[in-house]
Amino acid sequence: MTAHTEYAHLSDLDLLGKLIGVRGSRQLYRGSLQPLFSASLATGSPPEKCAVARELVKRWLGEHLKQGNALNSPSSVREYLRIHFAGREYESFVTLFLDAQNRLIATEELFRGTLTQTSVYPREVVKAALRHNAGAVVFSHNHPSGVAEPSHADETLTQALKQALALVDVRVLDHFIVAGAGVLSFAERGLL
């Protein structure tokens, strides 16, 4: 029996028990795994192990994006961003820097804001893209409110960044808004 099939039949609670122990899993699990992988969990043995597991999954997805064209795997990009923003109680503007073949070079949080807004400066975004020698970028930010709809300011900012980066031959491939489990793509909405 392979490891994949050995664990596939187990419940979420049973799998979590194998990771952090039965007692810890019973204390933390409340019918959903999502809160367990939240960045806001307090430190301590079981929550720390959940944070470690979340970081491992994020790194695994990042490796996948580094190996091939990120545009060929939009679901991996979505999952990577969902895990990246999990549990954040403040807005954060993150950029995925891609090479000419759309492989991930680096992920960087460029700006951090408050519960409801983040100030983003196009000059700093251009500098970061040049520092990473990026051929393309994917923007992302979170909405701690839980609503993944773009504001007028989000749309205006995306267009301004797209124009600024075009001057240095860096393509803007997408802008994702992450709100809990919901992820909205500007490209899919025709907003790019």
C-alpha atoms as a PDB file:
ATOM      1  CA  MET A   1       0.000   0.000   0.000  1.00  0.00           C
ATOM      2  CA  THR A   2       1.440   3.395  -0.947  1.00  0.00           C
ATOM      3  CA  ALA A   3       1.532   6.348   1.453  1.00  0.00           C
ATOM      4  CA  HIS A   4      -1.111   8.078  -0.657  1.00  0.00           C
ATOM      5  CA  THR A   5      -3.644   5.283  -0.352  1.00  0.00           C
ATOM      6  CA  GLU A   6      -2.663   4.492   3.237  1.00  0.00           C
ATOM      7  CA  TYR A   7      -3.873   7.905   4.435  1.00  0.00           C
ATOM      8  CA  ALA A   8      -6.609   8.647   1.907  1.00  0.00           C
ATOM      9  CA  HIS A   9      -9.278   6.813   3.897  1.00  0.00           C
ATOM     10  CA  LEU A  10      -8.528   8.648   7.169  1.00  0.00           C
ATOM     11  CA  SER A  11     -10.758  11.462   8.407  1.00  0.00           C
ATOM     12  CA  ASP A  12      -9.409  14.990   8.828  1.00  0.00           C
ATOM     13  CA  LEU A  13      -9.308  14.445  12.597  1.00  0.00           C
ATOM     14  CA  ASP A  14      -7.370  11.176  12.204  1.00  0.00           C
ATOM     15  CA  LEU A  15      -4.829  12.768   9.845  1.00  0.00           C
ATOM     16  CA  LEU A  16      -4.377  15.713  12.162  1.00  0.00           C
ATOM     17  CA  GLY A  17      -3.882  13.267  15.030  1.00  0.00           C
ATOM     18  CA  LYS A  18      -1.018  11.652  13.140  1.00  0.00           C
ATOM     19  CA  LEU A  19       0.589  15.071  12.702  1.00  0.00           C
ATOM     20  CA  ILE A  20       0.123  16.652  16.130  1.00  0.00           C
ATOM     21  CA  GLY A  21      -1.157  13.847  18.342  1.00  0.00           C
ATOM     22  CA  VAL A  22      -4.651  12.704  19.235  1.00  0.00           C
ATOM     23  CA  ARG A  23      -5.056  14.996  22.264  1.00  0.00           C
ATOM     24  CA  GLY A  24      -3.905  18.108  20.381  1.00  0.00           C
ATOM     25  CA  SER A  25      -6.078  17.322  17.372  1.00  0.00           C
ATOM     26  CA  ARG A  26      -9.175  16.896  19.547  1.00  0.00           C
ATOM     27  CA  GLN A  27      -8.478  20.226  21.258  1.00  0.00           C
ATOM     28  CA  LEU A  28      -8.013  22.154  18.020  1.00  0.00           C
ATOM     29  CA  TYR A  29     -10.207  20.527  15.383  1.00  0.00           C
ATOM     30  CA  ARG A  30     -13.706  22.007  15.129  1.00  0.00           C
ATOM     31  CA  GLY A  31     -15.013  20.469  11.910  1.00  0.00           C
ATOM     32  CA  SER A  32     -12.721  22.348   9.513  1.00  0.00           C
ATOM     33  CA  LEU A  33      -8.995  22.303   8.814  1.00  0.00           C
ATOM     34  CA  GLN A  34      -8.905  25.921   7.665  1.00  0.00           C
ATOM     35  CA  PRO A  35      -8.524  27.538  11.119  1.00  0.00           C
ATOM     36  CA  LEU A  36      -5.727  25.108  11.983  1.00  0.00           C
ATOM     37  CA  PHE A  37      -3.576  26.464   9.187  1.00  0.00           C
ATOM     38  CA  SER A  38      -4.244  30.072  10.079  1.00  0.00           C
ATOM     39  CA  ALA A  39      -1.238  32.277  10.730  1.00  0.00           C
ATOM     40  CA  SER A  40      -2.998  33.665  13.800  1.00  0.00           C
ATOM     41  CA  LEU A  41      -2.777  30.467  15.863  1.00  0.00           C
ATOM     42  CA  ALA A  42      -0.982  30.957  19.157  1.00  0.00           C
ATOM     43  CA  THR A  43       2.411  29.343  19.587  1.00  0.00           C
ATOM     44  CA  GLY A  44       2.705  26.060  21.360  1.00  0.00           C
ATOM     45  CA  SER A  45       3.234  22.500  20.248  1.00  0.00           C
ATOM     46  CA  PRO A  46       0.105  21.626  18.191  1.00  0.00           C
ATOM     47  CA  PRO A  47      -0.442  25.117  16.688  1.00  0.00           C
ATOM     48  CA  GLU A  48       3.255  25.401  15.911  1.00  0.00           C
ATOM     49  CA  LYS A  49       3.151  22.063  14.097  1.00  0.00           C
ATOM     50  CA  CYS A  50       0.133  23.297  12.112  1.00  0.00           C
ATOM     51  CA  ALA A  51       2.083  26.415  11.153  1.00  0.00           C
ATOM     52  CA  VAL A  52       5.025  24.229  10.122  1.00  0.00           C
ATOM     53  CA  ALA A  53       2.705  22.033   8.029  1.00  0.00           C
ATOM     54  CA  ARG A  54       1.212  25.152   6.392  1.00  0.00           C
ATOM     55  CA  GLU A  55       4.698  26.464   5.569  1.00  0.00           C
ATOM     56  CA  LEU A  56       5.701  23.092   4.102  1.00  0.00           C
ATOM     57  CA  VAL A  57       2.619  23.022   1.851  1.00  0.00           C
ATOM     58  CA  LYS A  58       3.307  26.624   0.764  1.00  0.00           C
ATOM     59  CA  ARG A  59       6.929  25.751  -0.067  1.00  0.00           C
ATOM     60  CA  TRP A  60       5.845  22.629  -1.965  1.00  0.00           C
ATOM     61  CA  LEU A  61       3.423  24.679  -4.072  1.00  0.00           C
ATOM     62  CA  GLY A  62       6.165  27.306  -4.558  1.00  0.00           C
ATOM     63  CA  GLU A  63       8.516  24.598  -5.856  1.00  0.00           C
ATOM     64  CA  HIS A  64       5.814  23.541  -8.306  1.00  0.00           C
ATOM     65  CA  LEU A  65       5.520  27.140  -9.546  1.00  0.00           C
ATOM     66  CA  LYS A  66       9.310  27.423  -9.894  1.00  0.00           C
ATOM     67  CA  GLN A  67       9.525  24.297 -12.051  1.00  0.00           C
ATOM     68  CA  GLY A  68       7.012  25.212 -14.719  1.00  0.00           C
ATOM     69  CA  ASN A  69       4.932  27.942 -16.258  1.00  0.00           C
ATOM     70  CA  ALA A  70       2.778  29.430 -13.492  1.00  0.00           C
ATOM     71  CA  LEU A  71       0.069  30.209 -16.032  1.00  0.00           C
ATOM     72  CA  ASN A  72      -0.281  26.515 -16.838  1.00  0.00           C
ATOM     73  CA  SER A  73      -1.301  25.879 -13.236  1.00  0.00           C
ATOM     74  CA  PRO A  74      -3.656  28.633 -12.063  1.00  0.00           C
ATOM     75  CA  SER A  75      -5.058  26.327  -9.393  1.00  0.00           C
ATOM     76  CA  SER A  76      -1.566  25.986  -7.874  1.00  0.00           C
ATOM     77  CA  VAL A  77      -1.193  29.777  -7.866  1.00  0.00           C
ATOM     78  CA  ARG A  78      -4.579  30.120  -6.151  1.00  0.00           C
ATOM     79  CA  GLU A  79      -3.739  27.515  -3.498  1.00  0.00           C
ATOM     80  CA  TYR A  80      -0.287  29.020  -2.956  1.00  0.00           C
ATOM     81  CA  LEU A  81      -1.845  32.444  -2.353  1.00  0.00           C
ATOM     82  CA  ARG A  82      -4.647  31.098  -0.153  1.00  0.00           C
ATOM     83  CA  ILE A  83      -2.080  29.449   2.099  1.00  0.00           C
ATOM     84  CA  HIS A  84       0.184  32.505   1.984  1.00  0.00           C
ATOM     85  CA  PHE A  85      -2.593  34.827   3.213  1.00  0.00           C
ATOM     86  CA  ALA A  86      -4.273  32.375   5.606  1.00  0.00           C
ATOM     87  CA  GLY A  87      -5.283  34.047   8.846  1.00  0.00           C
ATOM     88  CA  ARG A  88      -3.848  37.465   8.061  1.00  0.00           C
ATOM     89  CA  GLU A  89      -5.747  40.136   9.956  1.00  0.00           C
ATOM     90  CA  TYR A  90      -4.199  42.999   7.998  1.00  0.00           C
ATOM     91  CA  GLU A  91      -4.069  43.829   4.297  1.00  0.00           C
ATOM     92  CA  SER A  92      -0.888  42.827   2.563  1.00  0.00           C
ATOM     93  CA  PHE A  93       0.263  43.407  -1.032  1.00  0.00           C
ATOM     94  CA  VAL A  94       2.350  40.514  -2.331  1.00  0.00           C
ATOM     95  CA  THR A  95       4.028  40.144  -5.702  1.00  0.00           C
ATOM     96  CA  LEU A  96       5.077  36.941  -7.411  1.00  0.00           C
ATOM     97  CA  PHE A  97       8.073  37.688  -9.607  1.00  0.00           C
ATOM     98  CA  LEU A  98       8.350  35.429 -12.668  1.00  0.00           C
ATOM     99  CA  ASP A  99      11.065  34.836 -15.239  1.00  0.00           C
ATOM    100  CA  ALA A 100      10.588  35.006 -19.015  1.00  0.00           C
ATOM    101  CA  GLN A 101       9.089  31.483 -19.014  1.00  0.00           C
ATOM    102  CA  ASN A 102       6.644  32.452 -16.226  1.00  0.00           C
ATOM    103  CA  ARG A 103       8.441  30.377 -13.592  1.00  0.00           C
ATOM    104  CA  LEU A 104       8.435  31.727 -10.055  1.00  0.00           C
ATOM    105  CA  ILE A 105      11.613  33.570  -9.076  1.00  0.00           C
ATOM    106  CA  ALA A 106      10.455  34.916  -5.722  1.00  0.00           C
ATOM    107  CA  THR A 107       7.443  35.917  -3.674  1.00  0.00           C
ATOM    108  CA  GLU A 108       7.700  39.152  -1.741  1.00  0.00           C
ATOM    109  CA  GLU A 109       5.379  41.094   0.520  1.00  0.00           C
ATOM    110  CA  LEU A 110       6.018  44.618  -0.716  1.00  0.00           C
ATOM    111  CA  PHE A 111       3.509  46.505   1.432  1.00  0.00           C
ATOM    112  CA  ARG A 112       1.644  45.868   4.669  1.00  0.00           C
ATOM    113  CA  GLY A 113      -1.352  47.887   5.743  1.00  0.00           C
ATOM    114  CA  THR A 114      -4.208  47.938   8.184  1.00  0.00           C
ATOM    115  CA  LEU A 115      -7.392  45.933   8.454  1.00  0.00           C
ATOM    116  CA  THR A 116      -8.983  47.744   5.500  1.00  0.00           C
ATOM    117  CA  GLN A 117      -6.252  49.213   3.291  1.00  0.00           C
ATOM    118  CA  THR A 118      -2.664  49.121   2.112  1.00  0.00           C
ATOM    119  CA  SER A 119      -0.700  51.909   0.449  1.00  0.00           C
ATOM    120  CA  VAL A 120       1.106  50.669  -2.657  1.00  0.00           C
ATOM    121  CA  TYR A 121       3.756  52.746  -4.424  1.00  0.00           C
ATOM    122  CA  PRO A 122       4.381  51.964  -8.129  1.00  0.00           C
ATOM    123  CA  ARG A 123       8.001  53.179  -7.927  1.00  0.00           C
ATOM    124  CA  GLU A 124       8.776  50.537  -5.284  1.00  0.00           C
ATOM    125  CA  VAL A 125       7.049  47.812  -7.298  1.00  0.00           C
ATOM    126  CA  VAL A 126       9.144  48.694 -10.378  1.00  0.00           C
ATOM    127  CA  LYS A 127      12.344  48.692  -8.278  1.00  0.00           C
ATOM    128  CA  ALA A 128      11.515  45.255  -6.877  1.00  0.00           C
ATOM    129  CA  ALA A 129      10.745  43.833 -10.338  1.00  0.00           C
ATOM    130  CA  LEU A 130      14.087  45.106 -11.639  1.00  0.00           C
ATOM    131  CA  ARG A 131      15.930  43.803  -8.542  1.00  0.00           C
ATOM    132  CA  HIS A 132      14.522  40.310  -9.236  1.00  0.00           C
ATOM    133  CA  ASN A 133      15.149  40.654 -12.988  1.00  0.00           C
ATOM    134  CA  ALA A 134      11.526  39.663 -13.530  1.00  0.00           C
ATOM    135  CA  GLY A 135       9.977  39.285 -16.962  1.00  0.00           C
ATOM    136  CA  ALA A 136       6.467  39.209 -15.509  1.00  0.00           C
ATOM    137  CA  VAL A 137       4.613  39.637 -12.234  1.00  0.00           C
ATOM    138  CA  VAL A 138       1.452  38.442 -10.571  1.00  0.00           C
ATOM    139  CA  PHE A 139       0.024  40.768  -7.943  1.00  0.00           C
ATOM    140  CA  SER A 140      -2.022  39.660  -5.004  1.00  0.00           C
ATOM    141  CA  HIS A 141      -3.501  41.146  -1.923  1.00  0.00           C
ATOM    142  CA  ASN A 142      -5.906  40.006   0.713  1.00  0.00           C
ATOM    143  CA  HIS A 143      -9.190  41.354   2.003  1.00  0.00           C
ATOM    144  CA  PRO A 144      -9.437  40.427   5.699  1.00  0.00           C
ATOM    145  CA  SER A 145     -13.123  41.412   5.479  1.00  0.00           C
ATOM    146  CA  GLY A 146     -13.765  38.137   3.650  1.00  0.00           C
ATOM    147  CA  VAL A 147     -15.132  39.811   0.487  1.00  0.00           C
ATOM    148  CA  ALA A 148     -13.071  39.069  -2.637  1.00  0.00           C
ATOM    149  CA  GLU A 149     -14.621  41.784  -4.818  1.00  0.00           C
ATOM    150  CA  PRO A 150     -12.201  44.414  -6.162  1.00  0.00           C
ATOM    151  CA  SER A 151     -12.725  48.025  -5.197  1.00  0.00           C
ATOM    152  CA  HIS A 152     -12.421  50.883  -7.675  1.00  0.00           C
ATOM    153  CA  ALA A 153      -9.094  51.709  -5.992  1.00  0.00           C
ATOM    154  CA  ASP A 154      -7.891  48.113  -6.612  1.00  0.00           C
ATOM    155  CA  GLU A 155      -8.725  48.414 -10.312  1.00  0.00           C
ATOM    156  CA  THR A 156      -7.109  51.852 -10.645  1.00  0.00           C
ATOM    157  CA  LEU A 157      -3.961  50.704  -8.855  1.00  0.00           C
ATOM    158  CA  THR A 158      -3.650  47.623 -11.057  1.00  0.00           C
ATOM    159  CA  GLN A 159      -3.837  49.745 -14.221  1.00  0.00           C
ATOM    160  CA  ALA A 160      -1.260  52.220 -12.849  1.00  0.00           C
ATOM    161  CA  LEU A 161       1.120  49.379 -11.963  1.00  0.00           C
ATOM    162  CA  LYS A 162       0.609  47.771 -15.351  1.00  0.00           C
ATOM    163  CA  GLN A 163       1.515  51.053 -17.110  1.00  0.00           C
ATOM    164  CA  ALA A 164       4.561  51.665 -14.890  1.00  0.00           C
ATOM    165  CA  LEU A 165       5.913  48.144 -15.419  1.00  0.00           C
ATOM    166  CA  ALA A 166       5.298  48.270 -19.178  1.00  0.00           C
ATOM    167  CA  LEU A 167       7.908  51.035 -19.335  1.00  0.00           C
ATOM    168  CA  VAL A 168      10.548  48.529 -18.208  1.00  0.00           C
ATOM    169  CA  ASP A 169       9.179  45.566 -20.219  1.00  0.00           C
ATOM    170  CA  VAL A 170       7.679  43.670 -17.280  1.00  0.00           C
ATOM    171  CA  ARG A 171       4.311  42.075 -18.020  1.00  0.00           C
ATOM    172  CA  VAL A 172       1.476  42.014 -15.482  1.00  0.00           C
ATOM    173  CA  LEU A 173      -0.161  38.609 -15.833  1.00  0.00           C
ATOM    174  CA  ASP A 174      -2.800  38.806 -13.117  1.00  0.00           C
ATOM    175  CA  HIS A 175      -3.888  40.338  -9.840  1.00  0.00           C
ATOM    176  CA  PHE A 176      -5.546  38.075  -7.284  1.00  0.00           C
ATOM    177  CA  ILE A 177      -7.643  39.117  -4.321  1.00  0.00           C
ATOM    178  CA  VAL A 178      -7.699  36.539  -1.563  1.00  0.00           C
ATOM    179  CA  ALA A 179     -10.508  36.639   0.993  1.00  0.00           C
ATOM    180  CA  GLY A 180     -10.550  33.530   3.155  1.00  0.00           C
ATOM    181  CA  ALA A 181     -11.294  30.597   0.867  1.00  0.00           C
ATOM    182  CA  GLY A 182     -12.328  32.901  -2.000  1.00  0.00           C
ATOM    183  CA  VAL A 183      -9.804  33.970  -4.622  1.00  0.00           C
ATOM    184  CA  LEU A 184     -10.701  36.397  -7.414  1.00  0.00           C
ATOM    185  CA  SER A 185      -8.605  36.775 -10.586  1.00  0.00           C
ATOM    186  CA  PHE A 186      -8.547  40.133 -12.395  1.00  0.00           C
ATOM    187  CA  ALA A 187      -7.545  38.358 -15.614  1.00  0.00           C
ATOM    188  CA  GLU A 188     -10.543  36.033 -15.466  1.00  0.00           C
ATOM    189  CA  ARG A 189     -12.818  38.992 -14.798  1.00  0.00           C
ATOM    190  CA  GLY A 190     -11.411  40.905 -17.795  1.00  0.00           C
ATOM    191  CA  LEU A 191     -10.003  43.653 -15.544  1.00  0.00           C
ATOM    192  CA  LEU A 192      -6.491  43.551 -17.018  1.00  0.00           C
END
